[in-house]
């Protein structure tokens, strides 16, 4: 992803710490990433099976559902100040026989504290959510997207 897309999400600071789960799919079929700058969490991204955008409760993230703005692009996505969500059907079968699936709908929830201005936050998140979700989807072995 181009740096100019995600730079607005980072405040000034010198100590950057990254925690992530991008390896060992067999043990961890979902993906997450937390970034801290000078000890403060500034970005929290979780890609997991949460249903669609309508299944995400924006109020749980301290945003008003009425403030949602759709983000055009390849995937269904919406942003609020400090929150972005994208989703797509994604079937990832579990191990062994049966109908158990690790994931049926891949949904990425991205929370950030920066920038603090509501309009700037929505603009920055709208620019990031589609390419970030494409990267999360690329790391997830969805049956529907195997030909990609």
Protein backbone atom coordinates (compact mmCIF):
# COMPACT_ATOMS: atom_id res chain seq x y z
CA UNK A 1 0.00 0.00 0.00
CA UNK A 2 1.33 3.44 -0.87
CA UNK A 3 2.71 5.35 2.14
CA UNK A 4 0.67 8.47 1.36
CA UNK A 5 -2.51 6.46 2.09
CA UNK A 6 -1.60 5.43 5.63
CA UNK A 7 0.65 8.29 6.77
CA UNK A 8 -2.33 10.38 8.01
CA UNK A 9 -3.15 7.58 10.50
CA UNK A 10 0.19 7.97 12.31
CA UNK A 11 0.86 10.71 14.83
CA UNK A 12 4.38 12.00 15.35
CA UNK A 13 6.46 9.77 17.58
CA UNK A 14 9.67 7.84 17.67
CA UNK A 15 8.99 4.45 19.27
CA UNK A 16 6.86 2.25 16.98
CA UNK A 17 5.85 -1.21 18.18
CA UNK A 18 3.97 -3.68 15.98
CA UNK A 19 2.17 -6.83 17.14
CA UNK A 20 0.64 -9.02 14.45
CA UNK A 21 -0.62 -12.48 13.53
CA UNK A 22 0.16 -13.11 9.88
CA UNK A 23 1.83 -16.51 10.02
CA UNK A 24 0.72 -20.08 10.80
CA UNK A 25 -2.75 -20.06 9.26
CA UNK A 26 -3.36 -23.62 10.46
CA UNK A 27 -3.26 -22.43 14.07
CA UNK A 28 -4.68 -18.93 13.58
CA UNK A 29 -7.09 -18.54 10.62
CA UNK A 30 -7.82 -14.89 11.37
CA UNK A 31 -5.48 -11.90 11.11
CA UNK A 32 -4.87 -8.99 13.45
CA UNK A 33 -2.41 -6.16 13.85
CA UNK A 34 -1.85 -3.59 16.61
CA UNK A 35 0.44 -0.61 16.24
CA UNK A 36 1.69 1.48 19.13
CA UNK A 37 3.50 4.78 18.85
CA UNK A 38 5.28 5.89 22.01
CA UNK A 39 3.29 3.33 24.01
CA UNK A 40 -0.18 4.33 22.81
CA UNK A 41 -2.26 2.04 20.55
CA UNK A 42 -2.90 4.12 17.46
CA UNK A 43 -4.17 1.42 15.10
CA UNK A 44 -6.04 -1.83 15.73
CA UNK A 45 -6.99 -4.04 12.77
CA UNK A 46 -8.87 -7.34 13.05
CA UNK A 47 -9.82 -9.52 10.08
CA UNK A 48 -12.14 -12.31 11.19
CA UNK A 49 -15.53 -13.93 10.61
CA UNK A 50 -18.03 -11.33 11.82
CA UNK A 51 -20.72 -11.50 9.19
CA UNK A 52 -21.30 -8.47 7.00
CA UNK A 53 -21.12 -4.75 7.70
CA UNK A 54 -24.68 -4.82 9.02
CA UNK A 55 -23.55 -7.36 11.64
CA UNK A 56 -20.94 -4.99 13.07
CA UNK A 57 -22.33 -2.81 15.86
CA UNK A 58 -20.79 0.64 15.35
CA UNK A 59 -22.06 1.79 18.75
CA UNK A 60 -19.68 -0.75 20.35
CA UNK A 61 -16.89 1.38 18.84
CA UNK A 62 -18.34 4.69 20.11
CA UNK A 63 -19.59 5.87 16.72
CA UNK A 64 -23.11 6.69 15.60
CA UNK A 65 -24.49 4.27 12.99
CA UNK A 66 -26.03 7.28 11.20
CA UNK A 67 -22.53 8.73 10.61
CA UNK A 68 -21.52 5.84 8.32
CA UNK A 69 -20.25 6.69 4.85
CA UNK A 70 -20.04 4.03 2.16
CA UNK A 71 -16.63 3.64 0.55
CA UNK A 72 -16.73 2.85 -3.16
CA UNK A 73 -14.50 0.07 -4.39
CA UNK A 74 -14.28 -3.64 -5.01
CA UNK A 75 -15.46 -4.60 -1.51
CA UNK A 76 -18.39 -3.52 0.62
CA UNK A 77 -16.93 -0.94 3.00
CA UNK A 78 -17.97 1.90 5.29
CA UNK A 79 -16.19 4.45 7.46
CA UNK A 80 -16.95 6.50 10.54
CA UNK A 81 -14.63 8.82 12.42
CA UNK A 82 -11.99 6.46 13.84
CA UNK A 83 -13.52 3.28 12.38
CA UNK A 84 -13.54 1.52 9.01
CA UNK A 85 -15.15 -1.81 8.10
CA UNK A 86 -14.93 -3.92 4.94
CA UNK A 87 -16.37 -7.34 4.19
CA UNK A 88 -16.74 -10.02 1.54
CA UNK A 89 -18.06 -13.61 1.49
CA UNK A 90 -15.10 -15.86 2.24
CA UNK A 91 -15.40 -19.56 3.02
CA UNK A 92 -12.40 -21.08 4.75
CA UNK A 93 -13.10 -24.72 5.61
CA UNK A 94 -11.97 -26.07 8.94
CA UNK A 95 -9.86 -29.21 9.30
CA UNK A 96 -11.33 -32.68 8.92
CA UNK A 97 -14.69 -33.84 7.63
CA UNK A 98 -17.96 -32.02 8.20
CA UNK A 99 -19.31 -28.57 7.51
CA UNK A 100 -17.30 -26.61 10.05
CA UNK A 101 -15.80 -23.44 8.59
CA UNK A 102 -13.17 -21.22 10.16
CA UNK A 103 -14.61 -18.27 8.26
CA UNK A 104 -17.73 -17.67 6.16
CA UNK A 105 -17.53 -13.87 5.76
CA UNK A 106 -14.21 -12.10 6.10
CA UNK A 107 -14.70 -8.74 7.82
CA UNK A 108 -11.93 -6.29 8.56
CA UNK A 109 -12.47 -3.80 11.39
CA UNK A 110 -9.92 -0.99 11.53
CA UNK A 111 -9.88 1.35 14.53
CA UNK A 112 -7.59 4.34 14.79
CA UNK A 113 -7.22 7.38 17.03
CA UNK A 114 -5.42 9.61 14.54
CA UNK A 115 -6.28 11.92 12.88
CA UNK A 116 -8.60 13.29 15.54
CA UNK A 117 -10.69 15.53 13.26
CA UNK A 118 -13.81 13.61 12.16
CA UNK A 119 -13.67 14.64 8.48
CA UNK A 120 -9.93 13.98 8.21
CA UNK A 121 -10.38 10.61 9.91
CA UNK A 122 -13.14 9.51 7.51
CA UNK A 123 -11.07 10.68 4.52
CA UNK A 124 -7.92 8.88 5.68
CA UNK A 125 -9.78 5.66 6.53
CA UNK A 126 -11.70 5.75 3.23
CA UNK A 127 -8.36 5.84 1.41
CA UNK A 128 -6.94 2.93 3.40
CA UNK A 129 -9.77 0.43 3.92
CA UNK A 130 -10.05 -0.96 0.35
CA UNK A 131 -6.30 -1.65 -0.20
CA UNK A 132 -5.82 -2.88 3.39
CA UNK A 133 -8.76 -5.24 3.03
CA UNK A 134 -7.41 -6.49 -0.31
CA UNK A 135 -4.15 -7.36 1.49
CA UNK A 136 -6.00 -9.17 4.30
CA UNK A 137 -8.07 -11.07 1.73
CA UNK A 138 -4.92 -12.05 -0.17
CA UNK A 139 -3.56 -13.67 3.03
CA UNK A 140 -6.79 -15.59 3.63
CA UNK A 141 -7.41 -18.83 1.69
CA UNK A 142 -11.03 -18.19 0.73
CA UNK A 143 -12.58 -20.77 -1.56
CA UNK A 144 -14.37 -17.98 -3.47
CA UNK A 145 -11.12 -16.17 -4.25
CA UNK A 146 -8.82 -19.11 -4.99
CA UNK A 147 -8.44 -18.05 -8.64
CA UNK A 148 -7.16 -14.55 -7.73
